[in-house]
Amino acid sequence: EHTEPYVEYTEEGAILRNVDGKIVCKYPYIFVNDIGTFNKIYRFIGDNGLIGFANVEGKEIVPAKYIEASRMCDGSACVKESEDDIYYINEEGVRFTTKNYKDAFPYETQGQFGRVIFDDGKYGIIDREENIVAKDFDFINELQYTNRIASGVKNGKAVIFLLQDVEGQDNQNLHVIKEYEDYIEISKPCMDIAIVRTSDNKYGVVNIWTGTVIIEADLATELLHTA
């Protein structure tokens, strides 16, 4: 017995069945991990080898036309129709961003913010209206799901900053919690802390809310070596 639609793989391809076992649709391949209790939209690969989106009721939302596509999560997906055309679509398959990016990542923080790479190779963050929330970063870590504290590297320095709603196209007043002169790398925030690294490969620990150094690099490195 099944409580949710499920995928059956055969020699002819993938078959989506409903909870009663009846065939909903068939495709050469279905991304089975896309289907879950809170997600009824999944990616499939069509006969042309490209990726499309459909739902568990059998409705094809977007035909197979993408060379790359992330899973649909929190109301959006990041798709690539060509090497020069990367953009975002909503659950109806409608494109809701218009600018061109060198690369992009799925929206995070419960679907509120997306990390992108601009043509100059710099990382930035946009909101759902495509306003620029952060820009000119060397790198930005994966964003958190439950809060807006983020981390990255800008001008060779580790930075902790706060994502804020902005009006207009550019946010010139990014709220920086802390910029570190001595640290060139920082991890994704985890709980209340992040790990930072110096240019000579010494590690420290910082508080993401205040930016305070909890464990200095020399001591943290020594503790790691003796653990």
C-alpha atoms as a PDB file:
ATOM      1  CA  GLU A   1       0.000   0.000   0.000  1.00  0.00           C
ATOM      2  CA  HIS A   2       1.163   3.545  -0.798  1.00  0.00           C
ATOM      3  CA  THR A   3       0.165   6.770   0.882  1.00  0.00           C
ATOM      4  CA  GLU A   4       1.789   8.990  -1.784  1.00  0.00           C
ATOM      5  CA  PRO A   5       2.334   8.784  -5.547  1.00  0.00           C
ATOM      6  CA  TYR A   6       5.363   6.681  -6.383  1.00  0.00           C
ATOM      7  CA  VAL A   7       7.707   5.973  -9.279  1.00  0.00           C
ATOM      8  CA  GLU A   8       8.268   2.591 -10.847  1.00  0.00           C
ATOM      9  CA  TYR A   9      11.269   2.102 -13.119  1.00  0.00           C
ATOM     10  CA  THR A  10      10.937  -0.260 -16.089  1.00  0.00           C
ATOM     11  CA  GLU A  11      12.989  -1.092 -19.179  1.00  0.00           C
ATOM     12  CA  GLU A  12      10.864   1.436 -21.076  1.00  0.00           C
ATOM     13  CA  GLY A  13      11.462   4.241 -18.582  1.00  0.00           C
ATOM     14  CA  ALA A  14       9.844   5.660 -15.452  1.00  0.00           C
ATOM     15  CA  ILE A  15       6.164   5.329 -14.571  1.00  0.00           C
ATOM     16  CA  LEU A  16       4.446   7.576 -12.027  1.00  0.00           C
ATOM     17  CA  ARG A  17       1.576   5.827 -10.261  1.00  0.00           C
ATOM     18  CA  ASN A  18      -0.968   7.264  -7.835  1.00  0.00           C
ATOM     19  CA  VAL A  19      -1.726   5.761  -4.415  1.00  0.00           C
ATOM     20  CA  ASP A  20      -4.082   3.257  -6.045  1.00  0.00           C
ATOM     21  CA  GLY A  21      -1.405   2.064  -8.410  1.00  0.00           C
ATOM     22  CA  LYS A  22      -2.924   3.636 -11.513  1.00  0.00           C
ATOM     23  CA  ILE A  23      -0.553   5.077 -14.099  1.00  0.00           C
ATOM     24  CA  VAL A  24      -0.439   8.868 -14.025  1.00  0.00           C
ATOM     25  CA  CYS A  25       2.252   9.425 -16.657  1.00  0.00           C
ATOM     26  CA  LYS A  26       5.403   7.986 -18.210  1.00  0.00           C
ATOM     27  CA  TYR A  27       8.774   9.571 -18.952  1.00  0.00           C
ATOM     28  CA  PRO A  28      12.239   8.276 -19.807  1.00  0.00           C
ATOM     29  CA  TYR A  29      13.331   9.391 -16.347  1.00  0.00           C
ATOM     30  CA  ILE A  30      11.696  10.928 -13.270  1.00  0.00           C
ATOM     31  CA  PHE A  31      13.633  12.535 -10.416  1.00  0.00           C
ATOM     32  CA  VAL A  32      12.022  10.426  -7.719  1.00  0.00           C
ATOM     33  CA  ASN A  33      13.614  12.329  -4.822  1.00  0.00           C
ATOM     34  CA  ASP A  34      11.701  15.443  -5.913  1.00  0.00           C
ATOM     35  CA  ILE A  35       8.394  13.900  -4.854  1.00  0.00           C
ATOM     36  CA  GLY A  36       7.454  14.133  -1.183  1.00  0.00           C
ATOM     37  CA  THR A  37       4.797  15.117   1.312  1.00  0.00           C
ATOM     38  CA  PHE A  38       5.490  18.832   0.904  1.00  0.00           C
ATOM     39  CA  ASN A  39       6.486  18.804  -2.752  1.00  0.00           C
ATOM     40  CA  LYS A  40       4.119  17.695  -5.517  1.00  0.00           C
ATOM     41  CA  ILE A  41       6.193  18.995  -8.422  1.00  0.00           C
ATOM     42  CA  TYR A  42       9.007  16.960  -9.894  1.00  0.00           C
ATOM     43  CA  ARG A  43      11.553  17.099 -12.685  1.00  0.00           C
ATOM     44  CA  PHE A  44      11.536  14.636 -15.563  1.00  0.00           C
ATOM     45  CA  ILE A  45      13.741  13.969 -18.569  1.00  0.00           C
ATOM     46  CA  GLY A  46      11.927  13.895 -21.883  1.00  0.00           C
ATOM     47  CA  ASP A  47      12.621  11.954 -25.066  1.00  0.00           C
ATOM     48  CA  ASN A  48      14.864  14.825 -26.204  1.00  0.00           C
ATOM     49  CA  GLY A  49      17.155  14.386 -23.198  1.00  0.00           C
ATOM     50  CA  LEU A  50      16.178  17.741 -21.669  1.00  0.00           C
ATOM     51  CA  ILE A  51      14.521  18.469 -18.315  1.00  0.00           C
ATOM     52  CA  GLY A  52      10.943  19.572 -17.680  1.00  0.00           C
ATOM     53  CA  PHE A  53       8.557  19.874 -14.733  1.00  0.00           C
ATOM     54  CA  ALA A  54       5.267  18.125 -13.977  1.00  0.00           C
ATOM     55  CA  ASN A  55       3.058  17.531 -10.950  1.00  0.00           C
ATOM     56  CA  VAL A  56       1.836  14.331  -9.339  1.00  0.00           C
ATOM     57  CA  GLU A  57      -1.643  14.815 -10.807  1.00  0.00           C
ATOM     58  CA  GLY A  58      -0.144  14.287 -14.252  1.00  0.00           C
ATOM     59  CA  LYS A  59      -0.128  17.899 -15.451  1.00  0.00           C
ATOM     60  CA  GLU A  60       2.974  18.891 -17.375  1.00  0.00           C
ATOM     61  CA  ILE A  61       3.935  22.314 -16.066  1.00  0.00           C
ATOM     62  CA  VAL A  62       6.938  22.958 -18.328  1.00  0.00           C
ATOM     63  CA  PRO A  63       7.865  20.770 -21.316  1.00  0.00           C
ATOM     64  CA  ALA A  64      11.343  19.272 -21.445  1.00  0.00           C
ATOM     65  CA  LYS A  65      13.499  22.218 -22.544  1.00  0.00           C
ATOM     66  CA  TYR A  66      16.152  22.834 -19.877  1.00  0.00           C
ATOM     67  CA  ILE A  67      19.739  21.625 -20.023  1.00  0.00           C
ATOM     68  CA  GLU A  68      19.930  22.005 -16.228  1.00  0.00           C
ATOM     69  CA  ALA A  69      17.295  22.545 -13.531  1.00  0.00           C
ATOM     70  CA  SER A  70      17.211  22.434  -9.755  1.00  0.00           C
ATOM     71  CA  ARG A  71      14.357  20.752  -7.917  1.00  0.00           C
ATOM     72  CA  MET A  72      11.309  22.882  -7.203  1.00  0.00           C
ATOM     73  CA  CYS A  73      11.607  24.039  -3.588  1.00  0.00           C
ATOM     74  CA  ASP A  74       9.836  26.756  -1.602  1.00  0.00           C
ATOM     75  CA  GLY A  75       7.979  27.937  -4.696  1.00  0.00           C
ATOM     76  CA  SER A  76      10.786  28.252  -7.229  1.00  0.00           C
ATOM     77  CA  ALA A  77      13.459  26.474  -9.258  1.00  0.00           C
ATOM     78  CA  CYS A  78      16.660  27.627 -10.928  1.00  0.00           C
ATOM     79  CA  VAL A  79      16.824  26.596 -14.597  1.00  0.00           C
ATOM     80  CA  LYS A  80      19.224  26.867 -17.508  1.00  0.00           C
ATOM     81  CA  GLU A  81      17.790  26.878 -21.029  1.00  0.00           C
ATOM     82  CA  SER A  82      21.188  27.573 -22.577  1.00  0.00           C
ATOM     83  CA  GLU A  83      24.658  28.371 -21.290  1.00  0.00           C
ATOM     84  CA  ASP A  84      23.809  32.072 -21.548  1.00  0.00           C
ATOM     85  CA  ASP A  85      20.277  31.959 -20.156  1.00  0.00           C
ATOM     86  CA  ILE A  86      19.966  31.102 -16.464  1.00  0.00           C
ATOM     87  CA  TYR A  87      16.817  32.192 -14.656  1.00  0.00           C
ATOM     88  CA  TYR A  88      14.160  31.281 -12.076  1.00  0.00           C
ATOM     89  CA  ILE A  89      10.627  29.939 -12.523  1.00  0.00           C
ATOM     90  CA  ASN A  90       7.733  29.676 -10.071  1.00  0.00           C
ATOM     91  CA  GLU A  91       5.493  26.673  -9.406  1.00  0.00           C
ATOM     92  CA  GLU A  92       3.396  27.523 -12.466  1.00  0.00           C
ATOM     93  CA  GLY A  93       6.491  27.345 -14.642  1.00  0.00           C
ATOM     94  CA  VAL A  94       6.494  31.105 -15.204  1.00  0.00           C
ATOM     95  CA  ARG A  95       9.819  32.904 -15.423  1.00  0.00           C
ATOM     96  CA  PHE A  96      10.015  35.627 -12.764  1.00  0.00           C
ATOM     97  CA  THR A  97      13.584  36.910 -13.230  1.00  0.00           C
ATOM     98  CA  THR A  98      14.753  38.813 -16.290  1.00  0.00           C
ATOM     99  CA  LYS A  99      18.447  39.536 -15.824  1.00  0.00           C
ATOM    100  CA  ASN A 100      21.256  37.380 -17.155  1.00  0.00           C
ATOM    101  CA  TYR A 101      23.610  35.700 -14.694  1.00  0.00           C
ATOM    102  CA  LYS A 102      26.824  33.777 -15.146  1.00  0.00           C
ATOM    103  CA  ASP A 103      25.493  31.212 -12.687  1.00  0.00           C
ATOM    104  CA  ALA A 104      22.762  30.933 -10.071  1.00  0.00           C
ATOM    105  CA  PHE A 105      21.651  28.745  -7.180  1.00  0.00           C
ATOM    106  CA  PRO A 106      18.140  27.782  -5.983  1.00  0.00           C
ATOM    107  CA  TYR A 107      16.366  30.264  -3.708  1.00  0.00           C
ATOM    108  CA  GLU A 108      17.078  29.664  -0.025  1.00  0.00           C
ATOM    109  CA  THR A 109      15.919  31.065   3.350  1.00  0.00           C
ATOM    110  CA  GLN A 110      12.428  29.631   2.792  1.00  0.00           C
ATOM    111  CA  GLY A 111      12.439  30.809  -0.810  1.00  0.00           C
ATOM    112  CA  GLN A 112      13.203  34.462  -0.074  1.00  0.00           C
ATOM    113  CA  PHE A 113      16.756  34.952  -1.353  1.00  0.00           C
ATOM    114  CA  GLY A 114      18.824  33.520  -4.190  1.00  0.00           C
ATOM    115  CA  ARG A 115      22.585  33.505  -4.634  1.00  0.00           C
ATOM    116  CA  VAL A 116      23.808  34.469  -8.094  1.00  0.00           C
ATOM    117  CA  ILE A 117      27.111  35.006  -9.878  1.00  0.00           C
ATOM    118  CA  PHE A 118      27.272  38.093 -12.053  1.00  0.00           C
ATOM    119  CA  ASP A 119      29.137  38.415 -15.361  1.00  0.00           C
ATOM    120  CA  ASP A 120      32.228  39.733 -13.582  1.00  0.00           C
ATOM    121  CA  GLY A 121      32.448  36.503 -11.548  1.00  0.00           C
ATOM    122  CA  LYS A 122      31.373  38.180  -8.308  1.00  0.00           C
ATOM    123  CA  TYR A 123      28.744  36.618  -6.029  1.00  0.00           C
ATOM    124  CA  GLY A 124      25.585  38.432  -5.008  1.00  0.00           C
ATOM    125  CA  ILE A 125      22.137  37.822  -3.541  1.00  0.00           C
ATOM    126  CA  ILE A 126      18.769  38.803  -5.013  1.00  0.00           C
ATOM    127  CA  ASP A 127      15.281  38.762  -3.528  1.00  0.00           C
ATOM    128  CA  ARG A 128      12.086  37.505  -5.208  1.00  0.00           C
ATOM    129  CA  GLU A 129      11.614  40.869  -6.972  1.00  0.00           C
ATOM    130  CA  GLU A 130      15.191  40.561  -8.276  1.00  0.00           C
ATOM    131  CA  ASN A 131      16.399  43.471  -6.176  1.00  0.00           C
ATOM    132  CA  ILE A 132      20.092  43.145  -5.374  1.00  0.00           C
ATOM    133  CA  VAL A 133      20.474  42.498  -1.648  1.00  0.00           C
ATOM    134  CA  ALA A 134      24.238  41.873  -1.669  1.00  0.00           C
ATOM    135  CA  LYS A 135      26.923  42.135  -4.355  1.00  0.00           C
ATOM    136  CA  ASP A 136      30.662  42.240  -5.088  1.00  0.00           C
ATOM    137  CA  PHE A 137      31.482  39.180  -2.963  1.00  0.00           C
ATOM    138  CA  ASP A 138      34.301  36.785  -3.838  1.00  0.00           C
ATOM    139  CA  PHE A 139      32.137  33.983  -2.459  1.00  0.00           C
ATOM    140  CA  ILE A 140      28.906  33.554  -0.469  1.00  0.00           C
ATOM    141  CA  ASN A 141      28.119  30.430   1.514  1.00  0.00           C
ATOM    142  CA  GLU A 142      24.844  28.537   1.334  1.00  0.00           C
ATOM    143  CA  LEU A 143      22.129  30.579   3.036  1.00  0.00           C
ATOM    144  CA  GLN A 144      20.362  29.430   6.166  1.00  0.00           C
ATOM    145  CA  TYR A 145      16.781  28.220   6.190  1.00  0.00           C
ATOM    146  CA  THR A 146      15.564  29.723   9.456  1.00  0.00           C
ATOM    147  CA  ASN A 147      17.319  33.093   9.721  1.00  0.00           C
ATOM    148  CA  ARG A 148      18.902  35.817   7.610  1.00  0.00           C
ATOM    149  CA  ILE A 149      22.457  35.724   8.939  1.00  0.00           C
ATOM    150  CA  ALA A 150      24.827  34.988   6.040  1.00  0.00           C
ATOM    151  CA  SER A 151      28.576  34.643   5.537  1.00  0.00           C
ATOM    152  CA  GLY A 152      31.039  34.998   2.710  1.00  0.00           C
ATOM    153  CA  VAL A 153      34.288  36.543   1.525  1.00  0.00           C
ATOM    154  CA  LYS A 154      34.518  40.077   0.133  1.00  0.00           C
ATOM    155  CA  ASN A 155      37.725  41.741  -1.020  1.00  0.00           C
ATOM    156  CA  GLY A 156      39.629  38.794   0.426  1.00  0.00           C
ATOM    157  CA  LYS A 157      38.146  39.192   3.908  1.00  0.00           C
ATOM    158  CA  ALA A 158      35.673  36.982   5.762  1.00  0.00           C
ATOM    159  CA  VAL A 159      32.352  38.760   6.365  1.00  0.00           C
ATOM    160  CA  ILE A 160      29.201  38.081   8.390  1.00  0.00           C
ATOM    161  CA  PHE A 161      26.177  40.061   7.252  1.00  0.00           C
ATOM    162  CA  LEU A 162      22.414  40.327   7.598  1.00  0.00           C
ATOM    163  CA  LEU A 163      20.007  39.944   4.679  1.00  0.00           C
ATOM    164  CA  GLN A 164      17.433  42.736   4.601  1.00  0.00           C
ATOM    165  CA  ASP A 165      14.458  43.594   2.419  1.00  0.00           C
ATOM    166  CA  VAL A 166      15.359  46.419   0.051  1.00  0.00           C
ATOM    167  CA  GLU A 167      13.520  48.759  -2.298  1.00  0.00           C
ATOM    168  CA  GLY A 168      14.894  49.563  -5.723  1.00  0.00           C
ATOM    169  CA  GLN A 169      17.504  47.708  -7.745  1.00  0.00           C
ATOM    170  CA  ASP A 170      20.649  48.042  -5.645  1.00  0.00           C
ATOM    171  CA  ASN A 171      21.342  47.906  -1.948  1.00  0.00           C
ATOM    172  CA  GLN A 172      24.304  50.173  -1.246  1.00  0.00           C
ATOM    173  CA  ASN A 173      23.918  49.818   2.530  1.00  0.00           C
ATOM    174  CA  LEU A 174      24.469  46.140   3.240  1.00  0.00           C
ATOM    175  CA  HIS A 175      24.208  45.506   6.978  1.00  0.00           C
ATOM    176  CA  VAL A 176      27.603  44.050   7.852  1.00  0.00           C
ATOM    177  CA  ILE A 177      27.778  42.437  11.281  1.00  0.00           C
ATOM    178  CA  LYS A 178      31.535  41.910  11.115  1.00  0.00           C
ATOM    179  CA  GLU A 179      34.347  42.106   8.580  1.00  0.00           C
ATOM    180  CA  TYR A 180      37.517  40.302   9.673  1.00  0.00           C
ATOM    181  CA  GLU A 181      40.932  41.699   8.799  1.00  0.00           C
ATOM    182  CA  ASP A 182      42.786  38.524   9.752  1.00  0.00           C
ATOM    183  CA  TYR A 183      40.470  35.874   8.301  1.00  0.00           C
ATOM    184  CA  ILE A 184      40.277  35.051   4.600  1.00  0.00           C
ATOM    185  CA  GLU A 185      37.706  32.260   4.750  1.00  0.00           C
ATOM    186  CA  ILE A 186      34.518  31.543   6.704  1.00  0.00           C
ATOM    187  CA  SER A 187      32.184  28.574   6.891  1.00  0.00           C
ATOM    188  CA  LYS A 188      28.434  28.501   6.538  1.00  0.00           C
ATOM    189  CA  PRO A 189      26.872  29.498   9.878  1.00  0.00           C
ATOM    190  CA  CYS A 190      25.986  26.529  12.054  1.00  0.00           C
ATOM    191  CA  MET A 191      23.786  27.123  15.089  1.00  0.00           C
ATOM    192  CA  ASP A 192      25.356  30.260  16.615  1.00  0.00           C
ATOM    193  CA  ILE A 193      28.883  29.961  15.245  1.00  0.00           C
ATOM    194  CA  ALA A 194      31.037  29.878  12.119  1.00  0.00           C
ATOM    195  CA  ILE A 195      34.573  28.633  11.533  1.00  0.00           C
ATOM    196  CA  VAL A 196      37.097  31.122  10.147  1.00  0.00           C
ATOM    197  CA  ARG A 197      40.554  30.576   8.642  1.00  0.00           C
ATOM    198  CA  THR A 198      43.658  32.741   8.399  1.00  0.00           C
ATOM    199  CA  SER A 199      45.997  32.893   5.402  1.00  0.00           C
ATOM    200  CA  ASP A 200      48.458  30.599   7.219  1.00  0.00           C
ATOM    201  CA  ASN A 201      45.755  27.962   7.750  1.00  0.00           C
ATOM    202  CA  LYS A 202      44.915  28.627  11.384  1.00  0.00           C
ATOM    203  CA  TYR A 203      41.299  28.221  12.404  1.00  0.00           C
ATOM    204  CA  GLY A 204      39.125  30.183  14.800  1.00  0.00           C
ATOM    205  CA  VAL A 205      35.485  30.260  15.916  1.00  0.00           C
ATOM    206  CA  VAL A 206      33.198  33.316  15.808  1.00  0.00           C
ATOM    207  CA  ASN A 207      29.701  34.175  17.000  1.00  0.00           C
ATOM    208  CA  ILE A 208      27.485  34.856  13.974  1.00  0.00           C
ATOM    209  CA  TRP A 209      25.119  37.219  15.799  1.00  0.00           C
ATOM    210  CA  THR A 210      27.708  39.615  17.164  1.00  0.00           C
ATOM    211  CA  GLY A 211      30.805  38.786  15.133  1.00  0.00           C
ATOM    212  CA  THR A 212      32.762  38.271  18.346  1.00  0.00           C
ATOM    213  CA  VAL A 213      35.722  35.902  18.166  1.00  0.00           C
ATOM    214  CA  ILE A 214      34.921  33.053  20.554  1.00  0.00           C
ATOM    215  CA  ILE A 215      38.120  31.091  20.066  1.00  0.00           C
ATOM    216  CA  GLU A 216      41.203  32.764  18.638  1.00  0.00           C
ATOM    217  CA  ALA A 217      42.818  31.122  15.619  1.00  0.00           C
ATOM    218  CA  ASP A 218      45.933  29.858  17.403  1.00  0.00           C
ATOM    219  CA  LEU A 219      43.960  28.233  20.229  1.00  0.00           C
ATOM    220  CA  ALA A 220      41.317  26.713  17.951  1.00  0.00           C
ATOM    221  CA  THR A 221      43.969  25.202  15.699  1.00  0.00           C
ATOM    222  CA  GLU A 222      45.775  23.752  18.717  1.00  0.00           C
ATOM    223  CA  LEU A 223      42.514  22.235  19.993  1.00  0.00           C
ATOM    224  CA  LEU A 224      41.782  20.673  16.599  1.00  0.00           C
ATOM    225  CA  HIS A 225      45.242  19.096  16.481  1.00  0.00           C
ATOM    226  CA  THR A 226      44.924  17.631  19.979  1.00  0.00           C
ATOM    227  CA  ALA A 227      41.314  16.397  19.583  1.00  0.00           C
END
